[in-house]
């Protein structure tokens, strides 16, 4: 692409953003609003998962002193004995 073409595209996008900010009309259609909502729901879920992981790690670090010894689970298969 021609550098002048890229510069013109950038100026057009910048002017579009500035005109939206001046008119206080951030969204042009319902699709803009929906995509904005989906984006923030996605970010919220990611932050929730990170917080849950941090809580889990902190609980595991605090509870490492008291480890429970787990025994065998299940039924002993006597048919495998020689």
N, C-alpha and C. Protein backbone atom coordinates (compact mmCIF):
# COMPACT_ATOMS: atom_id res chain seq x y z
N UNK A 1 0.83 -1.18 0.00
CA UNK A 1 0.00 0.00 0.00
C UNK A 1 0.88 1.25 0.00
N UNK A 2 0.33 2.25 -0.54
CA UNK A 2 1.01 3.53 -0.62
C UNK A 2 0.98 4.20 0.77
N UNK A 3 2.11 4.73 1.23
CA UNK A 3 2.14 5.38 2.55
C UNK A 3 1.16 6.55 2.64
N UNK A 4 0.93 7.24 1.55
CA UNK A 4 -0.03 8.35 1.59
C UNK A 4 -1.45 7.83 1.79
N UNK A 5 -1.74 6.66 1.23
CA UNK A 5 -3.05 6.05 1.38
C UNK A 5 -3.28 5.63 2.84
N UNK A 6 -2.26 5.06 3.46
CA UNK A 6 -2.35 4.66 4.87
C UNK A 6 -2.54 5.88 5.75
N UNK A 7 -1.80 6.95 5.44
CA UNK A 7 -1.93 8.17 6.22
C UNK A 7 -3.34 8.76 6.06
N UNK A 8 -3.87 8.72 4.87
CA UNK A 8 -5.22 9.24 4.63
C UNK A 8 -6.27 8.40 5.38
N UNK A 9 -6.10 7.07 5.38
CA UNK A 9 -7.01 6.20 6.13
C UNK A 9 -6.95 6.50 7.62
N UNK A 10 -5.75 6.69 8.13
CA UNK A 10 -5.59 7.00 9.55
C UNK A 10 -6.24 8.33 9.90
N UNK A 11 -6.05 9.32 9.05
CA UNK A 11 -6.66 10.63 9.29
C UNK A 11 -8.19 10.53 9.25
N UNK A 12 -8.73 9.75 8.33
CA UNK A 12 -10.17 9.57 8.24
C UNK A 12 -10.73 8.91 9.51
N UNK A 13 -10.04 7.88 9.98
CA UNK A 13 -10.49 7.20 11.19
C UNK A 13 -10.38 8.12 12.41
N UNK A 14 -9.31 8.87 12.48
CA UNK A 14 -9.11 9.79 13.60
C UNK A 14 -10.20 10.87 13.59
N UNK A 15 -10.50 11.39 12.42
CA UNK A 15 -11.54 12.42 12.31
C UNK A 15 -12.91 11.84 12.68
N UNK A 16 -13.15 10.59 12.32
CA UNK A 16 -14.41 9.93 12.66
C UNK A 16 -14.54 9.79 14.18
N UNK A 17 -13.47 9.39 14.84
CA UNK A 17 -13.49 9.25 16.30
C UNK A 17 -13.70 10.60 16.96
N UNK A 18 -13.01 11.63 16.49
CA UNK A 18 -13.14 12.96 17.07
C UNK A 18 -14.56 13.49 16.87
N UNK A 19 -15.13 13.27 15.70
CA UNK A 19 -16.50 13.76 15.46
C UNK A 19 -17.51 13.02 16.34
N UNK A 20 -17.29 11.72 16.59
CA UNK A 20 -18.18 10.99 17.49
C UNK A 20 -18.07 11.51 18.92
N UNK A 21 -16.85 11.81 19.35
CA UNK A 21 -16.66 12.33 20.69
C UNK A 21 -17.31 13.71 20.84
N UNK A 22 -17.22 14.53 19.81
CA UNK A 22 -17.80 15.87 19.88
C UNK A 22 -19.33 15.80 19.87
N UNK A 23 -19.90 14.87 19.11
CA UNK A 23 -21.36 14.77 19.03
C UNK A 23 -21.93 13.93 20.17
N UNK A 24 -21.06 13.31 20.96
CA UNK A 24 -21.45 12.43 22.07
C UNK A 24 -22.34 11.28 21.58
N UNK A 25 -22.14 10.86 20.36
CA UNK A 25 -22.84 9.70 19.80
C UNK A 25 -21.77 8.65 19.51
N UNK A 26 -21.53 7.79 20.51
CA UNK A 26 -20.44 6.83 20.41
C UNK A 26 -20.80 5.63 19.53
N UNK A 27 -22.08 5.27 19.51
CA UNK A 27 -22.51 4.09 18.77
C UNK A 27 -23.40 4.52 17.61
N UNK A 28 -23.14 3.94 16.45
CA UNK A 28 -23.92 4.28 15.27
C UNK A 28 -25.13 3.37 15.10
N UNK A 29 -25.06 2.17 15.63
CA UNK A 29 -26.17 1.24 15.42
C UNK A 29 -26.32 0.33 16.63
N UNK A 30 -27.35 -0.50 16.59
CA UNK A 30 -27.56 -1.47 17.66
C UNK A 30 -26.45 -2.51 17.69
N UNK A 31 -25.88 -2.80 16.54
CA UNK A 31 -24.79 -3.77 16.48
C UNK A 31 -23.57 -3.27 17.23
N UNK A 32 -23.32 -1.97 17.18
CA UNK A 32 -22.20 -1.41 17.95
C UNK A 32 -22.43 -1.60 19.44
N UNK A 33 -23.63 -1.36 19.88
CA UNK A 33 -23.96 -1.52 21.30
C UNK A 33 -23.83 -2.99 21.71
N UNK A 34 -24.33 -3.88 20.87
CA UNK A 34 -24.26 -5.31 21.19
C UNK A 34 -22.82 -5.81 21.23
N UNK A 35 -22.01 -5.39 20.29
CA UNK A 35 -20.61 -5.84 20.28
C UNK A 35 -19.87 -5.27 21.49
N UNK A 36 -20.19 -4.05 21.87
CA UNK A 36 -19.58 -3.43 23.05
C UNK A 36 -19.96 -4.22 24.30
N UNK A 37 -21.24 -4.61 24.42
CA UNK A 37 -21.69 -5.38 25.57
C UNK A 37 -21.03 -6.76 25.61
N UNK A 38 -20.95 -7.42 24.47
CA UNK A 38 -20.32 -8.74 24.41
C UNK A 38 -18.85 -8.65 24.79
N UNK A 39 -18.17 -7.61 24.34
CA UNK A 39 -16.76 -7.42 24.66
C UNK A 39 -16.58 -7.27 26.17
N UNK A 40 -17.42 -6.45 26.82
CA UNK A 40 -17.26 -6.25 28.25
C UNK A 40 -17.69 -7.47 29.06
N UNK A 41 -18.64 -8.23 28.56
CA UNK A 41 -18.99 -9.49 29.23
C UNK A 41 -17.81 -10.45 29.15
N UNK A 42 -17.16 -10.52 27.99
CA UNK A 42 -15.99 -11.39 27.83
C UNK A 42 -14.87 -10.97 28.79
N UNK A 43 -14.59 -9.68 28.85
CA UNK A 43 -13.54 -9.18 29.76
C UNK A 43 -13.92 -9.48 31.20
N UNK A 44 -15.20 -9.33 31.55
CA UNK A 44 -15.64 -9.62 32.91
C UNK A 44 -15.47 -11.08 33.28
N UNK A 45 -15.76 -11.98 32.35
CA UNK A 45 -15.60 -13.41 32.61
C UNK A 45 -14.12 -13.75 32.79
N UNK A 46 -13.28 -13.17 31.97
CA UNK A 46 -11.83 -13.41 32.09
C UNK A 46 -11.33 -12.92 33.45
N UNK A 47 -11.74 -11.73 33.87
CA UNK A 47 -11.33 -11.21 35.18
C UNK A 47 -11.86 -12.08 36.31
N UNK A 48 -13.10 -12.57 36.19
CA UNK A 48 -13.66 -13.45 37.20
C UNK A 48 -12.84 -14.74 37.31
N UNK A 49 -12.46 -15.31 36.18
CA UNK A 49 -11.65 -16.54 36.21
C UNK A 49 -10.28 -16.30 36.83
N UNK A 50 -9.68 -15.16 36.54
CA UNK A 50 -8.37 -14.84 37.13
C UNK A 50 -8.51 -14.69 38.64
N UNK A 51 -9.56 -14.03 39.08
CA UNK A 51 -9.77 -13.87 40.53
C UNK A 51 -9.98 -15.23 41.18
N UNK A 52 -10.77 -16.10 40.56
CA UNK A 52 -10.99 -17.44 41.12
C UNK A 52 -9.69 -18.24 41.17
N UNK A 53 -8.85 -18.10 40.15
CA UNK A 53 -7.56 -18.80 40.15
C UNK A 53 -6.68 -18.28 41.27
N UNK A 54 -6.65 -16.97 41.47
CA UNK A 54 -5.85 -16.40 42.55
C UNK A 54 -6.36 -16.85 43.92
N UNK A 55 -7.67 -16.90 44.09
CA UNK A 55 -8.23 -17.38 45.35
C UNK A 55 -7.85 -18.83 45.58
N UNK A 56 -7.93 -19.64 44.53
CA UNK A 56 -7.58 -21.06 44.65
C UNK A 56 -6.10 -21.22 45.00
N UNK A 57 -5.24 -20.44 44.37
CA UNK A 57 -3.81 -20.53 44.66
C UNK A 57 -3.52 -20.10 46.09
N UNK A 58 -4.17 -19.05 46.55
CA UNK A 58 -3.94 -18.59 47.92
C UNK A 58 -4.43 -19.62 48.92
N UNK A 59 -5.56 -20.25 48.66
CA UNK A 59 -6.07 -21.26 49.57
C UNK A 59 -5.16 -22.48 49.60
N UNK A 60 -4.61 -22.85 48.45
CA UNK A 60 -3.71 -24.00 48.41
C UNK A 60 -2.40 -23.70 49.13
N UNK A 61 -1.92 -22.49 49.04
CA UNK A 61 -0.68 -22.12 49.72
C UNK A 61 -0.88 -22.11 51.23
N UNK A 62 -2.03 -21.67 51.67
CA UNK A 62 -2.30 -21.61 53.11
C UNK A 62 -2.58 -22.99 53.69
N UNK A 63 -3.14 -23.85 52.90
CA UNK A 63 -3.57 -25.16 53.40
C UNK A 63 -2.56 -26.25 53.11
N UNK A 64 -1.36 -25.91 52.63
CA UNK A 64 -0.37 -26.93 52.31
C UNK A 64 0.13 -27.64 53.57
N UNK A 65 0.05 -26.95 54.72
CA UNK A 65 0.56 -27.55 55.95
C UNK A 65 -0.26 -28.75 56.37
N UNK A 66 -1.54 -28.71 56.09
CA UNK A 66 -2.43 -29.80 56.50
C UNK A 66 -2.82 -30.58 55.25
N UNK A 67 -2.01 -31.55 54.91
CA UNK A 67 -2.32 -32.39 53.75
C UNK A 67 -3.01 -33.65 54.24
N UNK A 68 -4.02 -34.00 53.55
CA UNK A 68 -4.74 -35.22 53.88
C UNK A 68 -4.16 -36.37 53.08
N UNK A 69 -3.84 -37.45 53.77
CA UNK A 69 -3.34 -38.64 53.10
C UNK A 69 -4.53 -39.41 52.56
N UNK A 70 -4.54 -39.61 51.29
CA UNK A 70 -5.64 -40.32 50.67
C UNK A 70 -5.24 -41.78 50.47
N UNK A 71 -6.12 -42.64 50.86
CA UNK A 71 -5.89 -44.07 50.68
C UNK A 71 -6.35 -44.52 49.32
N UNK A 72 -6.28 -45.81 49.11
CA UNK A 72 -6.73 -46.36 47.84
C UNK A 72 -8.24 -46.21 47.72
N UNK A 73 -8.66 -45.94 46.52
CA UNK A 73 -10.08 -45.81 46.26
C UNK A 73 -10.47 -46.91 45.30
N UNK A 74 -11.53 -47.60 45.61
CA UNK A 74 -12.01 -48.64 44.71
C UNK A 74 -11.96 -50.02 45.36
N UNK A 75 -12.18 -51.02 44.54
CA UNK A 75 -12.24 -52.41 45.01
C UNK A 75 -10.97 -53.12 44.58
N UNK A 76 -10.41 -53.90 45.47
CA UNK A 76 -9.21 -54.68 45.15
C UNK A 76 -9.61 -55.84 44.25
N UNK A 77 -8.95 -55.97 43.11
CA UNK A 77 -9.26 -57.04 42.15
C UNK A 77 -8.39 -58.24 42.50
N UNK A 78 -9.01 -59.21 43.15
CA UNK A 78 -8.27 -60.41 43.58
C UNK A 78 -7.96 -61.33 42.40
N UNK A 79 -8.60 -61.15 41.27
CA UNK A 79 -8.36 -62.02 40.12
C UNK A 79 -6.99 -61.75 39.51
N UNK A 80 -6.41 -60.62 39.80
CA UNK A 80 -5.09 -60.32 39.26
C UNK A 80 -3.95 -60.90 40.11
N UNK A 81 -4.28 -61.40 41.29
CA UNK A 81 -3.25 -61.98 42.16
C UNK A 81 -2.77 -63.31 41.57
N UNK A 82 -1.48 -63.60 41.65
CA UNK A 82 -0.98 -64.87 41.09
C UNK A 82 -1.36 -66.07 41.91
